Structures are given as structure tokens and as C-alpha cells.
Amino acid sequence: MSKLIRLTIQRQDARESHPYAQTFEIEHKPQMNVISCLQDIAARPVTVAGEQTTPVAWDCNCLEEVCGACTMVINGRVRQACTALVDNLLKEQATIDLKPMSKFPVVRDLFVDRSRMFAALKKVRAWIDVDTYGYLGEGPKVEPSVADRRYELSCCMTCGCCMDVCPQVNDGSDFIGPQAIGQAALFNMHPTGAMSADQRLEALMGPGGITDCGNAQNCVKACPKEVPLTWAIGKTGRDTTVHAIRRWFVK
């Protein structure tokens, strides 16, 4: 007799709808992850009560923990569905529990709108300005230690884990979030990006910026890519202080 997996999923039909829960049972297969469970439910969307329902909506893309799209709250902890293996989840609790992230508007079911994160990247100018795409010769040399730290920061996939666990990210706060601060630090450390570092620091000195961080340090614990977010927040805090003092003297 095949083993059955039970999943309780928080559903929501539209942005303005109220959430509700439905429970499903599917057949266990070797090396299953949460995505494969949702695919099996989509193939036969029938609850344990025998009720025919709609397939569960969720977001995913790469299926290898690179795109960040499939982030959801699994067994009470925010993480990627593609790398959440069923056998490991069943060791945590008998019924797998799936909910959407709590800090983002729900579009439908487990699919949320992460637009605020991409808007934050625009606010801190998380890109490198260039004059041309033509060859300009050899670029500036970068210390290995700086390159290593920049690589760690570049691993951010805008998944939303850090935002979901941050107590400063809430309906009563405009906090830009750890992810955008980390990306500002990344581009300020780039030899070309450093030329526009003041603009990024100015953006982070306004409402919802670096001073709104409460130093809970939940972000660095939840990050699936181990991005050094608290280091970036500390560095950016020092950089904005120096920038503010310099600006005061210039005036």
C-alpha cells in the first residue's frame, strides 16, 4: 500500500477575499519537494473531504533555488518550495502546512506580489551606470577580500525571506528592508558603482531607510543564500553617517 502525504494549504481566491484552509492527500514519491506536491494536487484538485476544487496557485521558475519565486511559509518557516524536501518536512510534523508569505499582498493562494522589493531596488539605484557598452580597456583591480564579499552580496535572489521575518516590515512602517540595503552595499563597493554611491546613501537616509532597521537580525538567519545582510546594514549605517557629516561640512 502506497504512503499518503497530507498537506494543509491556505487558500485565497483573490486579493480582497478572506483566506481559508483546504487539506489534500497525495501519494508519496521518492525525492518529492513541495513543488511536486502542488503539481500532483493540480492534476487532481480534490480535498480529503472529497470536494472538487480549483488547483492551488503558486509561483515558481528555476526549480533550483536561484530565482526566488517559489518562496512561501512551509511548516511555519519561510523558505523556497523547490528545495523543501517532503521527507525532511515530515520529520518536522505529520501534516505539511503551506501558507503564503505574510508581508506581501496575496494575489491568489500561495502566489504573492513582491513588487515592493523591486521598487526598493529602483529606489537605491541597484545597478551600474555606464557611458558605453564598448571596450574601454582593462578595468580597475579589486582586492580579493572585496570581490569575495561582493560575490556573497550578489547571491541575493529577491526571494522575500528576509522581508517576511523582519519585524520592521509591517503595515505601519515604510522600512525599505534588508534586501535593498544589501544591494546598495553591493553596488557601492563596485569600482564604477562607487561613483554614484552618494545617491544610494541619500536614498537610504530618507524615510524608511537605514535608521528604521531595528537590528533584530532575523534576516540573516532566514536568508537561504546566507547573504551577509547584517554586515551590509552595519556598513551602510556607517557610510550614511560619514556621508551626512561630510554633507554638513560641505554646506
C-alpha atoms as a PDB file:
ATOM      1  CA  MET A   1       0.000   0.000   0.000  1.00  0.00           C
ATOM      2  CA  SER A   2       1.398   3.375  -1.006  1.00  0.00           C
ATOM      3  CA  LYS A   3       2.123   6.033   1.595  1.00  0.00           C
ATOM      4  CA  LEU A   4      -0.038   9.151   1.539  1.00  0.00           C
ATOM      5  CA  ILE A   5       1.145  12.682   2.252  1.00  0.00           C
ATOM      6  CA  ARG A   6      -1.270  15.162   3.812  1.00  0.00           C
ATOM      7  CA  LEU A   7      -0.938  18.878   3.111  1.00  0.00           C
ATOM      8  CA  THR A   8      -2.986  21.719   4.581  1.00  0.00           C
ATOM      9  CA  ILE A   9      -2.858  24.770   2.321  1.00  0.00           C
ATOM     10  CA  GLN A  10      -4.063  28.280   2.982  1.00  0.00           C
ATOM     11  CA  ARG A  11      -6.191  29.364   0.036  1.00  0.00           C
ATOM     12  CA  GLN A  12      -7.313  32.821  -1.041  1.00  0.00           C
ATOM     13  CA  ASP A  13      -9.364  33.296  -4.184  1.00  0.00           C
ATOM     14  CA  ALA A  14      -8.424  36.937  -4.836  1.00  0.00           C
ATOM     15  CA  ARG A  15      -6.682  39.919  -3.231  1.00  0.00           C
ATOM     16  CA  GLU A  16      -9.821  41.096  -1.479  1.00  0.00           C
ATOM     17  CA  SER A  17     -11.015  37.619  -0.434  1.00  0.00           C
ATOM     18  CA  HIS A  18     -10.709  36.082   3.015  1.00  0.00           C
ATOM     19  CA  PRO A  19      -8.251  33.187   3.434  1.00  0.00           C
ATOM     20  CA  TYR A  20      -9.426  29.659   4.166  1.00  0.00           C
ATOM     21  CA  ALA A  21      -7.730  26.292   4.534  1.00  0.00           C
ATOM     22  CA  GLN A  22      -8.060  23.111   2.491  1.00  0.00           C
ATOM     23  CA  THR A  23      -6.411  19.758   3.108  1.00  0.00           C
ATOM     24  CA  PHE A  24      -5.236  17.366   0.401  1.00  0.00           C
ATOM     25  CA  GLU A  25      -3.714  13.906   0.298  1.00  0.00           C
ATOM     26  CA  ILE A  26      -1.356  12.731  -2.415  1.00  0.00           C
ATOM     27  CA  GLU A  27       0.750   9.647  -2.980  1.00  0.00           C
ATOM     28  CA  HIS A  28       4.303   9.753  -1.675  1.00  0.00           C
ATOM     29  CA  LYS A  29       7.095   9.514  -4.245  1.00  0.00           C
ATOM     30  CA  PRO A  30      10.865   9.404  -3.724  1.00  0.00           C
ATOM     31  CA  GLN A  31      12.670  12.774  -3.591  1.00  0.00           C
ATOM     32  CA  MET A  32       9.489  14.838  -3.661  1.00  0.00           C
ATOM     33  CA  ASN A  33       9.624  18.549  -2.939  1.00  0.00           C
ATOM     34  CA  VAL A  34       6.777  20.954  -2.235  1.00  0.00           C
ATOM     35  CA  ILE A  35       6.550  21.944  -5.916  1.00  0.00           C
ATOM     36  CA  SER A  36       5.971  18.340  -6.988  1.00  0.00           C
ATOM     37  CA  CYS A  37       3.274  18.060  -4.318  1.00  0.00           C
ATOM     38  CA  LEU A  38       1.499  21.120  -5.700  1.00  0.00           C
ATOM     39  CA  GLN A  39       1.786  19.705  -9.217  1.00  0.00           C
ATOM     40  CA  ASP A  40       0.141  16.469  -8.092  1.00  0.00           C
ATOM     41  CA  ILE A  41      -2.653  18.431  -6.416  1.00  0.00           C
ATOM     42  CA  ALA A  42      -3.113  20.473  -9.606  1.00  0.00           C
ATOM     43  CA  ALA A  43      -3.522  17.240 -11.571  1.00  0.00           C
ATOM     44  CA  ARG A  44      -6.305  16.131  -9.214  1.00  0.00           C
ATOM     45  CA  PRO A  45      -7.614  19.041  -7.101  1.00  0.00           C
ATOM     46  CA  VAL A  46      -9.806  17.078  -4.705  1.00  0.00           C
ATOM     47  CA  THR A  47      -9.711  17.674  -0.942  1.00  0.00           C
ATOM     48  CA  VAL A  48      -9.637  14.920   1.695  1.00  0.00           C
ATOM     49  CA  ALA A  49     -13.361  15.568   2.160  1.00  0.00           C
ATOM     50  CA  GLY A  50     -13.919  14.582  -1.480  1.00  0.00           C
ATOM     51  CA  GLU A  51     -14.649  18.144  -2.591  1.00  0.00           C
ATOM     52  CA  GLN A  52     -13.657  19.049  -6.147  1.00  0.00           C
ATOM     53  CA  THR A  53     -11.837  22.409  -6.053  1.00  0.00           C
ATOM     54  CA  THR A  54      -9.574  24.616  -8.141  1.00  0.00           C
ATOM     55  CA  PRO A  55      -5.842  23.904  -8.480  1.00  0.00           C
ATOM     56  CA  VAL A  56      -3.688  25.758  -5.970  1.00  0.00           C
ATOM     57  CA  ALA A  57      -1.954  28.829  -7.412  1.00  0.00           C
ATOM     58  CA  TRP A  58       1.728  29.327  -6.658  1.00  0.00           C
ATOM     59  CA  ASP A  59       4.756  30.917  -8.297  1.00  0.00           C
ATOM     60  CA  CYS A  60       7.942  29.179  -9.422  1.00  0.00           C
ATOM     61  CA  ASN A  61      10.501  29.300 -12.182  1.00  0.00           C
ATOM     62  CA  CYS A  62      14.005  27.840 -11.908  1.00  0.00           C
ATOM     63  CA  LEU A  63      13.331  24.932  -9.510  1.00  0.00           C
ATOM     64  CA  GLU A  64      16.926  25.147  -8.234  1.00  0.00           C
ATOM     65  CA  GLU A  65      16.818  27.915  -5.600  1.00  0.00           C
ATOM     66  CA  VAL A  66      18.098  30.663  -7.865  1.00  0.00           C
ATOM     67  CA  CYS A  67      15.081  32.733  -8.931  1.00  0.00           C
ATOM     68  CA  GLY A  68      13.448  33.166  -5.501  1.00  0.00           C
ATOM     69  CA  ALA A  69       9.939  32.979  -6.964  1.00  0.00           C
ATOM     70  CA  CYS A  70       8.635  29.960  -5.037  1.00  0.00           C
ATOM     71  CA  THR A  71       9.104  31.398  -1.541  1.00  0.00           C
ATOM     72  CA  MET A  72       6.311  30.522   0.876  1.00  0.00           C
ATOM     73  CA  VAL A  73       5.806  29.699   4.543  1.00  0.00           C
ATOM     74  CA  ILE A  74       6.294  25.944   4.941  1.00  0.00           C
ATOM     75  CA  ASN A  75       5.642  24.342   8.328  1.00  0.00           C
ATOM     76  CA  GLY A  76       5.760  27.809   9.857  1.00  0.00           C
ATOM     77  CA  ARG A  77       9.110  28.829   8.341  1.00  0.00           C
ATOM     78  CA  VAL A  78       9.638  30.939   5.234  1.00  0.00           C
ATOM     79  CA  ARG A  79      11.737  29.152   2.592  1.00  0.00           C
ATOM     80  CA  GLN A  80      11.832  28.005  -1.034  1.00  0.00           C
ATOM     81  CA  ALA A  81       9.365  25.339  -2.070  1.00  0.00           C
ATOM     82  CA  CYS A  82      11.766  23.884  -4.635  1.00  0.00           C
ATOM     83  CA  THR A  83      14.351  22.875  -2.034  1.00  0.00           C
ATOM     84  CA  ALA A  84      11.885  21.943   0.700  1.00  0.00           C
ATOM     85  CA  LEU A  85      12.025  18.138   0.509  1.00  0.00           C
ATOM     86  CA  VAL A  86       8.969  16.254   1.652  1.00  0.00           C
ATOM     87  CA  ASP A  87      10.820  13.599   3.645  1.00  0.00           C
ATOM     88  CA  ASN A  88      12.533  16.314   5.691  1.00  0.00           C
ATOM     89  CA  LEU A  89       9.287  18.216   6.198  1.00  0.00           C
ATOM     90  CA  LEU A  90       7.514  15.119   7.502  1.00  0.00           C
ATOM     91  CA  LYS A  91      10.184  14.850  10.202  1.00  0.00           C
ATOM     92  CA  GLU A  92       9.072  18.274  11.419  1.00  0.00           C
ATOM     93  CA  GLN A  93       5.362  17.456  11.574  1.00  0.00           C
ATOM     94  CA  ALA A  94       2.932  14.868  10.260  1.00  0.00           C
ATOM     95  CA  THR A  95       0.933  17.240   8.035  1.00  0.00           C
ATOM     96  CA  ILE A  96       2.793  19.659   5.762  1.00  0.00           C
ATOM     97  CA  ASP A  97       1.465  23.187   6.224  1.00  0.00           C
ATOM     98  CA  LEU A  98       1.696  25.715   3.370  1.00  0.00           C
ATOM     99  CA  LYS A  99       0.886  29.419   3.618  1.00  0.00           C
ATOM    100  CA  PRO A 100       1.792  32.489   1.556  1.00  0.00           C
ATOM    101  CA  MET A 101       4.340  34.964   2.839  1.00  0.00           C
ATOM    102  CA  SER A 102       2.770  37.312   5.367  1.00  0.00           C
ATOM    103  CA  LYS A 103       4.418  40.631   4.433  1.00  0.00           C
ATOM    104  CA  PHE A 104       3.280  40.771   0.802  1.00  0.00           C
ATOM    105  CA  PRO A 105      -0.190  41.178  -0.755  1.00  0.00           C
ATOM    106  CA  VAL A 106      -1.667  37.836  -1.740  1.00  0.00           C
ATOM    107  CA  VAL A 107      -2.610  37.645  -5.400  1.00  0.00           C
ATOM    108  CA  ARG A 108      -4.096  34.182  -5.053  1.00  0.00           C
ATOM    109  CA  ASP A 109      -3.420  31.242  -2.735  1.00  0.00           C
ATOM    110  CA  LEU A 110       0.373  30.933  -2.294  1.00  0.00           C
ATOM    111  CA  PHE A 111       1.184  33.492  -5.001  1.00  0.00           C
ATOM    112  CA  VAL A 112       2.113  36.915  -3.597  1.00  0.00           C
ATOM    113  CA  ASP A 113       3.012  40.296  -5.094  1.00  0.00           C
ATOM    114  CA  ARG A 114       6.686  41.122  -4.390  1.00  0.00           C
ATOM    115  CA  SER A 115       6.590  44.455  -6.245  1.00  0.00           C
ATOM    116  CA  ARG A 116       7.726  46.405  -3.178  1.00  0.00           C
ATOM    117  CA  MET A 117      11.103  44.637  -3.326  1.00  0.00           C
ATOM    118  CA  PHE A 118      11.707  45.598  -6.948  1.00  0.00           C
ATOM    119  CA  ALA A 119      10.560  49.157  -6.242  1.00  0.00           C
ATOM    120  CA  ALA A 120      13.144  49.265  -3.441  1.00  0.00           C
ATOM    121  CA  LEU A 121      15.873  48.236  -5.886  1.00  0.00           C
ATOM    122  CA  LYS A 122      14.911  51.160  -8.099  1.00  0.00           C
ATOM    123  CA  LYS A 123      14.980  53.500  -5.113  1.00  0.00           C
ATOM    124  CA  VAL A 124      18.573  52.585  -4.218  1.00  0.00           C
ATOM    125  CA  ARG A 125      19.670  52.506  -7.873  1.00  0.00           C
ATOM    126  CA  ALA A 126      20.752  48.866  -7.702  1.00  0.00           C
ATOM    127  CA  TRP A 127      22.596  48.911 -10.995  1.00  0.00           C
ATOM    128  CA  ILE A 128      25.839  50.197 -12.507  1.00  0.00           C
ATOM    129  CA  ASP A 129      25.643  53.310 -14.690  1.00  0.00           C
ATOM    130  CA  VAL A 130      27.681  53.031 -17.878  1.00  0.00           C
ATOM    131  CA  ASP A 131      28.632  55.532 -20.603  1.00  0.00           C
ATOM    132  CA  THR A 132      29.106  52.895 -23.268  1.00  0.00           C
ATOM    133  CA  TYR A 133      28.981  49.164 -23.837  1.00  0.00           C
ATOM    134  CA  GLY A 134      32.088  49.349 -25.991  1.00  0.00           C
ATOM    135  CA  TYR A 135      35.507  48.154 -24.907  1.00  0.00           C
ATOM    136  CA  LEU A 136      37.294  50.639 -22.633  1.00  0.00           C
ATOM    137  CA  GLY A 137      40.319  48.584 -21.751  1.00  0.00           C
ATOM    138  CA  GLU A 138      41.167  46.758 -18.572  1.00  0.00           C
ATOM    139  CA  GLY A 139      39.012  47.674 -15.590  1.00  0.00           C
ATOM    140  CA  PRO A 140      40.236  48.588 -12.119  1.00  0.00           C
ATOM    141  CA  LYS A 141      41.672  45.837  -9.962  1.00  0.00           C
ATOM    142  CA  VAL A 142      39.632  44.705  -6.957  1.00  0.00           C
ATOM    143  CA  GLU A 143      41.054  43.258  -3.764  1.00  0.00           C
ATOM    144  CA  PRO A 144      40.175  39.547  -3.390  1.00  0.00           C
ATOM    145  CA  SER A 145      38.543  40.176   0.000  1.00  0.00           C
ATOM    146  CA  VAL A 146      36.295  42.836  -1.547  1.00  0.00           C
ATOM    147  CA  ALA A 147      35.469  40.587  -4.502  1.00  0.00           C
ATOM    148  CA  ASP A 148      34.570  37.750  -2.132  1.00  0.00           C
ATOM    149  CA  ARG A 149      32.234  39.952  -0.101  1.00  0.00           C
ATOM    150  CA  ARG A 150      30.630  41.382  -3.230  1.00  0.00           C
ATOM    151  CA  TYR A 151      30.021  37.851  -4.502  1.00  0.00           C
ATOM    152  CA  GLU A 152      28.214  36.979  -1.254  1.00  0.00           C
ATOM    153  CA  LEU A 153      26.018  40.056  -1.580  1.00  0.00           C
ATOM    154  CA  SER A 154      25.353  39.320  -5.259  1.00  0.00           C
ATOM    155  CA  CYS A 155      23.767  35.968  -4.355  1.00  0.00           C
ATOM    156  CA  CYS A 156      20.567  37.732  -3.274  1.00  0.00           C
ATOM    157  CA  MET A 157      17.644  36.449  -5.366  1.00  0.00           C
ATOM    158  CA  THR A 158      14.958  38.897  -4.139  1.00  0.00           C
ATOM    159  CA  CYS A 159      13.039  35.971  -2.687  1.00  0.00           C
ATOM    160  CA  GLY A 160      11.463  37.868   0.220  1.00  0.00           C
ATOM    161  CA  CYS A 161      12.569  35.633   3.113  1.00  0.00           C
ATOM    162  CA  CYS A 162      14.386  38.488   4.857  1.00  0.00           C
ATOM    163  CA  MET A 163      11.377  40.768   4.467  1.00  0.00           C
ATOM    164  CA  ASP A 164       8.928  38.194   5.798  1.00  0.00           C
ATOM    165  CA  VAL A 165      10.813  37.653   9.075  1.00  0.00           C
ATOM    166  CA  CYS A 166      11.727  41.313   9.668  1.00  0.00           C
ATOM    167  CA  PRO A 167       9.610  42.891  12.448  1.00  0.00           C
ATOM    168  CA  GLN A 168      10.264  46.340  10.966  1.00  0.00           C
ATOM    169  CA  VAL A 169       8.493  45.357   7.754  1.00  0.00           C
ATOM    170  CA  ASN A 170       4.846  45.861   8.627  1.00  0.00           C
ATOM    171  CA  ASP A 171       1.757  47.845   7.651  1.00  0.00           C
ATOM    172  CA  GLY A 172       2.763  50.736   9.909  1.00  0.00           C
ATOM    173  CA  SER A 173       6.306  51.120   8.563  1.00  0.00           C
ATOM    174  CA  ASP A 174       7.907  52.264   5.326  1.00  0.00           C
ATOM    175  CA  PHE A 175      11.132  50.339   6.020  1.00  0.00           C
ATOM    176  CA  ILE A 176      12.831  49.533   2.735  1.00  0.00           C
ATOM    177  CA  GLY A 177      14.016  46.151   4.035  1.00  0.00           C
ATOM    178  CA  PRO A 178      17.327  44.279   4.376  1.00  0.00           C
ATOM    179  CA  GLN A 179      17.475  43.124   0.756  1.00  0.00           C
ATOM    180  CA  ALA A 180      17.646  46.621  -0.743  1.00  0.00           C
ATOM    181  CA  ILE A 181      20.261  47.721   1.794  1.00  0.00           C
ATOM    182  CA  GLY A 182      22.386  44.706   0.905  1.00  0.00           C
ATOM    183  CA  GLN A 183      22.155  45.536  -2.783  1.00  0.00           C
ATOM    184  CA  ALA A 184      23.048  49.183  -2.156  1.00  0.00           C
ATOM    185  CA  ALA A 185      26.168  47.978  -0.341  1.00  0.00           C
ATOM    186  CA  LEU A 186      26.983  45.648  -3.246  1.00  0.00           C
ATOM    187  CA  PHE A 187      26.889  48.369  -5.885  1.00  0.00           C
ATOM    188  CA  ASN A 188      28.627  50.936  -3.675  1.00  0.00           C
ATOM    189  CA  MET A 189      31.548  48.517  -3.426  1.00  0.00           C
ATOM    190  CA  HIS A 190      31.826  48.262  -7.219  1.00  0.00           C
ATOM    191  CA  PRO A 191      34.605  50.498  -8.633  1.00  0.00           C
ATOM    192  CA  THR A 192      32.193  52.105 -11.096  1.00  0.00           C
ATOM    193  CA  GLY A 193      29.167  51.953  -8.816  1.00  0.00           C
ATOM    194  CA  ALA A 194      31.112  53.840  -6.146  1.00  0.00           C
ATOM    195  CA  MET A 195      30.907  56.942  -8.344  1.00  0.00           C
ATOM    196  CA  SER A 196      27.151  57.113  -7.654  1.00  0.00           C
ATOM    197  CA  ALA A 197      27.350  55.830  -4.068  1.00  0.00           C
ATOM    198  CA  ASP A 198      26.160  59.165  -2.657  1.00  0.00           C
ATOM    199  CA  GLN A 199      22.836  58.794  -4.464  1.00  0.00           C
ATOM    200  CA  ARG A 200      22.265  55.389  -2.890  1.00  0.00           C
ATOM    201  CA  LEU A 201      23.214  56.662   0.551  1.00  0.00           C
ATOM    202  CA  GLU A 202      20.874  59.639   0.147  1.00  0.00           C
ATOM    203  CA  ALA A 203      18.023  57.256  -0.701  1.00  0.00           C
ATOM    204  CA  LEU A 204      18.755  55.239   2.442  1.00  0.00           C
ATOM    205  CA  MET A 205      18.886  58.330   4.662  1.00  0.00           C
ATOM    206  CA  GLY A 206      15.251  59.205   3.960  1.00  0.00           C
ATOM    207  CA  PRO A 207      12.020  57.846   5.478  1.00  0.00           C
ATOM    208  CA  GLY A 208      12.024  54.054   5.635  1.00  0.00           C
ATOM    209  CA  GLY A 209      15.782  53.931   5.244  1.00  0.00           C
ATOM    210  CA  ILE A 210      18.681  52.564   7.230  1.00  0.00           C
ATOM    211  CA  THR A 211      17.688  54.158  10.553  1.00  0.00           C
ATOM    212  CA  ASP A 212      14.420  52.193  10.560  1.00  0.00           C
ATOM    213  CA  CYS A 213      16.321  48.914  10.979  1.00  0.00           C
ATOM    214  CA  GLY A 214      15.692  47.560  14.481  1.00  0.00           C
ATOM    215  CA  ASN A 215      18.704  45.190  14.383  1.00  0.00           C
ATOM    216  CA  ALA A 216      16.546  42.110  15.005  1.00  0.00           C
ATOM    217  CA  GLN A 217      18.947  40.100  12.809  1.00  0.00           C
ATOM    218  CA  ASN A 218      16.162  37.751  11.741  1.00  0.00           C
ATOM    219  CA  CYS A 219      17.037  38.490   8.116  1.00  0.00           C
ATOM    220  CA  VAL A 220      20.471  36.912   8.122  1.00  0.00           C
ATOM    221  CA  LYS A 221      19.104  33.788   9.815  1.00  0.00           C
ATOM    222  CA  ALA A 222      16.302  33.342   7.279  1.00  0.00           C
ATOM    223  CA  CYS A 223      18.312  34.078   4.130  1.00  0.00           C
ATOM    224  CA  PRO A 224      18.588  30.850   2.076  1.00  0.00           C
ATOM    225  CA  LYS A 225      21.723  32.156   0.350  1.00  0.00           C
ATOM    226  CA  GLU A 226      23.463  33.236   3.562  1.00  0.00           C
ATOM    227  CA  VAL A 227      23.831  36.784   2.254  1.00  0.00           C
ATOM    228  CA  PRO A 228      25.686  38.821   4.933  1.00  0.00           C
ATOM    229  CA  LEU A 229      22.784  41.199   5.444  1.00  0.00           C
ATOM    230  CA  THR A 230      23.671  42.344   8.953  1.00  0.00           C
ATOM    231  CA  TRP A 231      27.203  43.145   7.765  1.00  0.00           C
ATOM    232  CA  ALA A 232      25.743  45.172   4.888  1.00  0.00           C
ATOM    233  CA  ILE A 233      23.377  47.010   7.212  1.00  0.00           C
ATOM    234  CA  GLY A 234      26.226  47.835   9.589  1.00  0.00           C
ATOM    235  CA  LYS A 235      28.487  49.042   6.787  1.00  0.00           C
ATOM    236  CA  THR A 236      25.743  51.094   5.188  1.00  0.00           C
ATOM    237  CA  GLY A 237      24.876  52.620   8.550  1.00  0.00           C
ATOM    238  CA  ARG A 238      28.467  53.784   8.954  1.00  0.00           C
ATOM    239  CA  ASP A 239      28.624  55.010   5.368  1.00  0.00           C
ATOM    240  CA  THR A 240      25.444  57.080   5.719  1.00  0.00           C
ATOM    241  CA  THR A 241      26.790  58.637   8.935  1.00  0.00           C
ATOM    242  CA  VAL A 242      30.048  59.637   7.232  1.00  0.00           C
ATOM    243  CA  HIS A 243      28.095  60.924   4.231  1.00  0.00           C
ATOM    244  CA  ALA A 244      25.819  63.003   6.474  1.00  0.00           C
ATOM    245  CA  ILE A 245      28.780  64.559   8.302  1.00  0.00           C
ATOM    246  CA  ARG A 246      30.565  65.301   5.028  1.00  0.00           C
ATOM    247  CA  ARG A 247      27.407  66.862   3.591  1.00  0.00           C
ATOM    248  CA  TRP A 248      27.019  69.049   6.690  1.00  0.00           C
ATOM    249  CA  PHE A 249      30.557  70.417   6.322  1.00  0.00           C
ATOM    250  CA  VAL A 250      30.106  70.998   2.586  1.00  0.00           C
ATOM    251  CA  LYS A 251      27.075  73.142   3.315  1.00  0.00           C
END
